[in-house]
Amino acid sequence: MFFAVCVAALAFLAVMQGYMTAVPACDSERTVETLQRAFNSSPQALAARVTAQASEQHRQVAWHGDQRPRECRALVLLSSAERIPVAYFMQGRDGAPFVLTVVADAD
């Protein structure tokens, strides 16, 4: 419970580079792995000593092509047995890996 309150209050932010230059689907294996790595490397997760064990209910909210980030939502299942909603955004970059940004979601 502490972590969920902390996340809601602080709106954590983590950024992780993926290994593909194209922006993958919200529920692709690569995206799910990158989302969990980004979450686990966030200062808030490290401070609260929790990790993302899995994620579920991945869905795309918005996508307007490579000019804007792909916007997605999911539930992250924590090692503390809590489930927290997150929003994540993926942006492609010319000739470079895509970037995934994850934030706490108010939904």
N, C-alpha and C. Protein backbone atom coordinates (compact mmCIF):
# COMPACT_ATOMS: atom_id res chain seq x y z
N MET A 1 0.82 -1.20 0.00
CA MET A 1 0.00 0.00 0.00
C MET A 1 0.86 1.25 0.00
N PHE A 2 1.94 1.23 0.75
CA PHE A 2 2.83 2.38 0.80
C PHE A 2 3.30 2.77 -0.59
N PHE A 3 3.71 1.78 -1.37
CA PHE A 3 4.25 2.09 -2.69
C PHE A 3 3.19 2.72 -3.59
N ALA A 4 1.98 2.20 -3.58
CA ALA A 4 0.92 2.75 -4.41
C ALA A 4 0.65 4.20 -4.04
N VAL A 5 0.62 4.50 -2.77
CA VAL A 5 0.40 5.87 -2.32
C VAL A 5 1.56 6.75 -2.74
N CYS A 6 2.77 6.27 -2.58
CA CYS A 6 3.96 7.01 -2.97
C CYS A 6 3.94 7.30 -4.47
N VAL A 7 3.61 6.30 -5.27
CA VAL A 7 3.57 6.47 -6.71
C VAL A 7 2.49 7.46 -7.10
N ALA A 8 1.32 7.34 -6.51
CA ALA A 8 0.23 8.25 -6.82
C ALA A 8 0.59 9.69 -6.46
N ALA A 9 1.28 9.85 -5.37
CA ALA A 9 1.63 11.19 -4.92
C ALA A 9 2.78 11.80 -5.73
N LEU A 10 3.75 10.99 -6.08
CA LEU A 10 4.94 11.51 -6.73
C LEU A 10 4.94 11.37 -8.25
N ALA A 11 4.07 10.52 -8.79
CA ALA A 11 4.03 10.26 -10.24
C ALA A 11 5.43 9.94 -10.75
N PHE A 12 5.92 8.76 -10.43
CA PHE A 12 7.27 8.38 -10.80
C PHE A 12 7.46 8.38 -12.30
N LEU A 13 8.70 8.47 -12.71
CA LEU A 13 9.06 8.48 -14.12
C LEU A 13 10.29 7.62 -14.30
N ALA A 14 10.24 6.71 -15.26
CA ALA A 14 11.41 5.91 -15.60
C ALA A 14 11.50 5.85 -17.11
N VAL A 15 12.70 5.87 -17.62
CA VAL A 15 12.92 5.80 -19.05
C VAL A 15 13.85 4.64 -19.34
N MET A 16 13.53 3.89 -20.36
CA MET A 16 14.35 2.74 -20.74
C MET A 16 14.40 2.67 -22.25
N GLN A 17 15.56 2.35 -22.79
CA GLN A 17 15.67 2.16 -24.23
C GLN A 17 15.37 0.72 -24.57
N GLY A 18 14.59 0.53 -25.62
CA GLY A 18 14.35 -0.80 -26.15
C GLY A 18 15.43 -1.15 -27.14
N TYR A 19 15.40 -2.36 -27.67
CA TYR A 19 16.43 -2.81 -28.59
C TYR A 19 16.03 -2.71 -30.05
N MET A 20 14.82 -2.23 -30.33
CA MET A 20 14.35 -2.14 -31.70
C MET A 20 14.22 -0.68 -32.08
N THR A 21 14.41 -0.37 -33.38
CA THR A 21 14.24 1.00 -33.81
C THR A 21 12.78 1.31 -34.10
N ALA A 22 11.98 0.31 -34.50
CA ALA A 22 10.55 0.51 -34.72
C ALA A 22 9.82 0.44 -33.38
N VAL A 23 8.74 1.17 -33.27
CA VAL A 23 7.97 1.16 -32.03
C VAL A 23 7.08 -0.09 -32.02
N PRO A 24 7.26 -0.98 -31.06
CA PRO A 24 6.48 -2.21 -31.02
C PRO A 24 5.07 -1.99 -30.45
N ALA A 25 4.24 -3.01 -30.55
CA ALA A 25 2.88 -2.95 -29.99
C ALA A 25 2.95 -2.88 -28.47
N CYS A 26 1.90 -2.37 -27.86
CA CYS A 26 1.82 -2.20 -26.41
C CYS A 26 1.98 -3.52 -25.66
N ASP A 27 1.53 -4.61 -26.25
CA ASP A 27 1.56 -5.91 -25.56
C ASP A 27 2.59 -6.87 -26.12
N SER A 28 3.53 -6.37 -26.92
CA SER A 28 4.57 -7.26 -27.46
C SER A 28 5.49 -7.73 -26.33
N GLU A 29 6.12 -8.85 -26.54
CA GLU A 29 7.04 -9.39 -25.52
C GLU A 29 8.15 -8.40 -25.20
N ARG A 30 8.69 -7.76 -26.23
CA ARG A 30 9.77 -6.78 -26.03
C ARG A 30 9.28 -5.60 -25.19
N THR A 31 8.07 -5.13 -25.48
CA THR A 31 7.51 -4.00 -24.72
C THR A 31 7.30 -4.37 -23.26
N VAL A 32 6.71 -5.53 -23.02
CA VAL A 32 6.44 -5.98 -21.65
C VAL A 32 7.75 -6.10 -20.86
N GLU A 33 8.77 -6.68 -21.47
CA GLU A 33 10.08 -6.80 -20.80
C GLU A 33 10.68 -5.43 -20.52
N THR A 34 10.60 -4.53 -21.49
CA THR A 34 11.16 -3.19 -21.32
C THR A 34 10.40 -2.41 -20.26
N LEU A 35 9.07 -2.55 -20.25
CA LEU A 35 8.24 -1.90 -19.23
C LEU A 35 8.65 -2.35 -17.83
N GLN A 36 8.82 -3.63 -17.64
CA GLN A 36 9.18 -4.14 -16.31
C GLN A 36 10.58 -3.69 -15.91
N ARG A 37 11.52 -3.67 -16.85
CA ARG A 37 12.87 -3.18 -16.53
C ARG A 37 12.84 -1.70 -16.16
N ALA A 38 12.07 -0.92 -16.92
CA ALA A 38 11.96 0.52 -16.63
C ALA A 38 11.35 0.74 -15.25
N PHE A 39 10.29 0.02 -14.95
CA PHE A 39 9.64 0.14 -13.65
C PHE A 39 10.61 -0.24 -12.54
N ASN A 40 11.29 -1.36 -12.68
CA ASN A 40 12.19 -1.85 -11.64
C ASN A 40 13.40 -0.95 -11.42
N SER A 41 13.77 -0.17 -12.42
CA SER A 41 14.91 0.73 -12.27
C SER A 41 14.51 2.12 -11.78
N SER A 42 13.21 2.35 -11.58
CA SER A 42 12.77 3.67 -11.11
C SER A 42 13.22 3.89 -9.66
N PRO A 43 13.55 5.12 -9.31
CA PRO A 43 13.98 5.41 -7.93
C PRO A 43 12.93 5.02 -6.89
N GLN A 44 11.65 5.18 -7.22
CA GLN A 44 10.61 4.86 -6.27
C GLN A 44 10.52 3.35 -6.02
N ALA A 45 10.63 2.56 -7.06
CA ALA A 45 10.59 1.10 -6.88
C ALA A 45 11.80 0.64 -6.08
N LEU A 46 12.96 1.21 -6.38
CA LEU A 46 14.18 0.85 -5.64
C LEU A 46 14.07 1.25 -4.17
N ALA A 47 13.54 2.45 -3.91
CA ALA A 47 13.41 2.93 -2.53
C ALA A 47 12.40 2.09 -1.75
N ALA A 48 11.32 1.68 -2.42
CA ALA A 48 10.28 0.90 -1.74
C ALA A 48 10.62 -0.59 -1.71
N ARG A 49 11.70 -0.96 -2.39
CA ARG A 49 12.15 -2.36 -2.45
C ARG A 49 11.06 -3.29 -2.99
N VAL A 50 10.43 -2.84 -4.06
CA VAL A 50 9.46 -3.67 -4.76
C VAL A 50 9.91 -3.83 -6.21
N THR A 51 9.46 -4.90 -6.82
CA THR A 51 9.75 -5.13 -8.23
C THR A 51 8.47 -5.49 -8.95
N ALA A 52 8.48 -5.23 -10.23
CA ALA A 52 7.37 -5.65 -11.09
C ALA A 52 7.56 -7.13 -11.37
N GLN A 53 6.62 -7.93 -10.93
CA GLN A 53 6.69 -9.37 -11.16
C GLN A 53 6.08 -9.75 -12.50
N ALA A 54 5.09 -8.98 -12.92
CA ALA A 54 4.39 -9.21 -14.18
C ALA A 54 3.58 -7.96 -14.49
N SER A 55 2.98 -7.97 -15.65
CA SER A 55 2.05 -6.90 -16.01
C SER A 55 0.94 -7.52 -16.85
N GLU A 56 -0.20 -6.86 -16.84
CA GLU A 56 -1.36 -7.41 -17.54
C GLU A 56 -2.25 -6.28 -18.04
N GLN A 57 -3.26 -6.66 -18.80
CA GLN A 57 -4.24 -5.73 -19.34
C GLN A 57 -3.59 -4.61 -20.14
N HIS A 58 -2.59 -4.96 -20.92
CA HIS A 58 -1.93 -3.98 -21.80
C HIS A 58 -2.91 -3.53 -22.87
N ARG A 59 -3.00 -2.22 -23.06
CA ARG A 59 -3.87 -1.72 -24.11
C ARG A 59 -3.30 -0.42 -24.68
N GLN A 60 -3.55 -0.24 -25.94
CA GLN A 60 -3.13 0.98 -26.62
C GLN A 60 -4.19 2.04 -26.44
N VAL A 61 -3.77 3.24 -26.08
CA VAL A 61 -4.68 4.36 -25.88
C VAL A 61 -4.63 5.31 -27.08
N ALA A 62 -3.43 5.53 -27.61
CA ALA A 62 -3.28 6.43 -28.74
C ALA A 62 -2.04 6.06 -29.55
N TRP A 63 -2.13 6.25 -30.85
CA TRP A 63 -0.99 6.03 -31.75
C TRP A 63 -1.27 6.80 -33.02
N HIS A 64 -0.38 7.69 -33.36
CA HIS A 64 -0.53 8.53 -34.54
C HIS A 64 0.66 8.36 -35.47
N GLY A 65 1.24 7.20 -35.51
CA GLY A 65 2.40 6.96 -36.34
C GLY A 65 3.68 7.33 -35.63
N ASP A 66 4.77 7.30 -36.36
CA ASP A 66 6.09 7.52 -35.76
C ASP A 66 6.35 8.95 -35.33
N GLN A 67 5.45 9.88 -35.64
CA GLN A 67 5.67 11.27 -35.27
C GLN A 67 5.36 11.55 -33.80
N ARG A 68 4.54 10.73 -33.18
CA ARG A 68 4.17 10.91 -31.78
C ARG A 68 4.37 9.60 -31.03
N PRO A 69 4.47 9.67 -29.71
CA PRO A 69 4.62 8.42 -28.96
C PRO A 69 3.38 7.53 -29.03
N ARG A 70 3.60 6.24 -28.97
CA ARG A 70 2.50 5.29 -28.80
C ARG A 70 2.15 5.33 -27.31
N GLU A 71 0.89 5.57 -26.99
CA GLU A 71 0.46 5.68 -25.60
C GLU A 71 -0.27 4.40 -25.19
N CYS A 72 0.16 3.82 -24.07
CA CYS A 72 -0.39 2.54 -23.61
C CYS A 72 -0.71 2.60 -22.13
N ARG A 73 -1.51 1.64 -21.68
CA ARG A 73 -1.84 1.48 -20.26
C ARG A 73 -1.73 0.01 -19.90
N ALA A 74 -1.44 -0.25 -18.62
CA ALA A 74 -1.36 -1.62 -18.12
C ALA A 74 -1.47 -1.62 -16.60
N LEU A 75 -1.64 -2.79 -16.03
CA LEU A 75 -1.54 -3.00 -14.59
C LEU A 75 -0.22 -3.70 -14.32
N VAL A 76 0.54 -3.19 -13.37
CA VAL A 76 1.80 -3.81 -12.97
C VAL A 76 1.56 -4.55 -11.66
N LEU A 77 1.93 -5.82 -11.63
CA LEU A 77 1.80 -6.65 -10.44
C LEU A 77 3.12 -6.62 -9.69
N LEU A 78 3.07 -6.12 -8.47
CA LEU A 78 4.29 -5.92 -7.68
C LEU A 78 4.63 -7.11 -6.80
N SER A 79 5.87 -7.16 -6.39
CA SER A 79 6.32 -8.21 -5.46
C SER A 79 5.61 -8.10 -4.12
N SER A 80 5.04 -6.95 -3.82
CA SER A 80 4.28 -6.75 -2.59
C SER A 80 2.83 -7.20 -2.74
N ALA A 81 2.48 -7.79 -3.86
CA ALA A 81 1.14 -8.29 -4.19
C ALA A 81 0.17 -7.18 -4.56
N GLU A 82 0.64 -5.96 -4.68
CA GLU A 82 -0.22 -4.85 -5.12
C GLU A 82 -0.26 -4.82 -6.64
N ARG A 83 -1.31 -4.22 -7.15
CA ARG A 83 -1.44 -3.97 -8.58
C ARG A 83 -1.59 -2.47 -8.75
N ILE A 84 -0.74 -1.89 -9.58
CA ILE A 84 -0.87 -0.45 -9.80
C ILE A 84 -1.01 -0.17 -11.29
N PRO A 85 -1.87 0.78 -11.64
CA PRO A 85 -2.02 1.15 -13.04
C PRO A 85 -0.87 2.07 -13.47
N VAL A 86 -0.38 1.84 -14.67
CA VAL A 86 0.67 2.69 -15.22
C VAL A 86 0.30 3.09 -16.64
N ALA A 87 0.82 4.21 -17.04
CA ALA A 87 0.77 4.65 -18.43
C ALA A 87 2.20 4.57 -18.95
N TYR A 88 2.35 4.14 -20.18
CA TYR A 88 3.68 4.14 -20.77
C TYR A 88 3.61 4.61 -22.20
N PHE A 89 4.69 5.25 -22.61
CA PHE A 89 4.76 5.91 -23.90
C PHE A 89 6.02 5.44 -24.61
N MET A 90 5.88 5.07 -25.87
CA MET A 90 7.03 4.61 -26.65
C MET A 90 7.22 5.52 -27.85
N GLN A 91 8.45 5.93 -28.05
CA GLN A 91 8.77 6.84 -29.15
C GLN A 91 9.94 6.27 -29.93
N GLY A 92 9.79 6.19 -31.23
CA GLY A 92 10.89 5.76 -32.09
C GLY A 92 11.85 6.91 -32.33
N ARG A 93 13.09 6.56 -32.64
CA ARG A 93 14.09 7.58 -32.97
C ARG A 93 14.82 7.11 -34.21
N ASP A 94 15.16 8.02 -35.08
CA ASP A 94 15.83 7.67 -36.33
C ASP A 94 17.13 6.92 -36.08
N GLY A 95 17.18 5.67 -36.53
CA GLY A 95 18.40 4.88 -36.43
C GLY A 95 18.83 4.53 -35.02
N ALA A 96 17.96 4.72 -34.04
CA ALA A 96 18.32 4.44 -32.65
C ALA A 96 17.20 3.62 -32.01
N PRO A 97 17.47 2.99 -30.87
CA PRO A 97 16.43 2.21 -30.19
C PRO A 97 15.25 3.09 -29.78
N PHE A 98 14.08 2.46 -29.68
CA PHE A 98 12.92 3.21 -29.19
C PHE A 98 13.10 3.51 -27.71
N VAL A 99 12.42 4.54 -27.24
CA VAL A 99 12.47 4.94 -25.83
C VAL A 99 11.11 4.68 -25.21
N LEU A 100 11.09 4.05 -24.05
CA LEU A 100 9.86 3.81 -23.30
C LEU A 100 9.91 4.63 -22.02
N THR A 101 8.85 5.39 -21.77
CA THR A 101 8.72 6.18 -20.55
C THR A 101 7.50 5.66 -19.81
N VAL A 102 7.62 5.39 -18.51
CA VAL A 102 6.50 4.88 -17.72
C VAL A 102 6.21 5.86 -16.58
N VAL A 103 4.93 6.10 -16.33
CA VAL A 103 4.50 6.98 -15.25
C VAL A 103 3.32 6.34 -14.53
N ALA A 104 3.10 6.76 -13.31
CA ALA A 104 1.92 6.28 -12.58
C ALA A 104 0.68 6.81 -13.28
N ASP A 105 -0.34 5.98 -13.33
CA ASP A 105 -1.58 6.34 -14.01
C ASP A 105 -2.67 6.56 -12.98
N ALA A 106 -3.45 7.59 -13.13
CA ALA A 106 -4.51 7.92 -12.18
C ALA A 106 -5.76 7.06 -12.38
N ASP A 107 -5.87 6.36 -13.51
CA ASP A 107 -7.09 5.56 -13.78
C ASP A 107 -7.29 4.47 -12.78
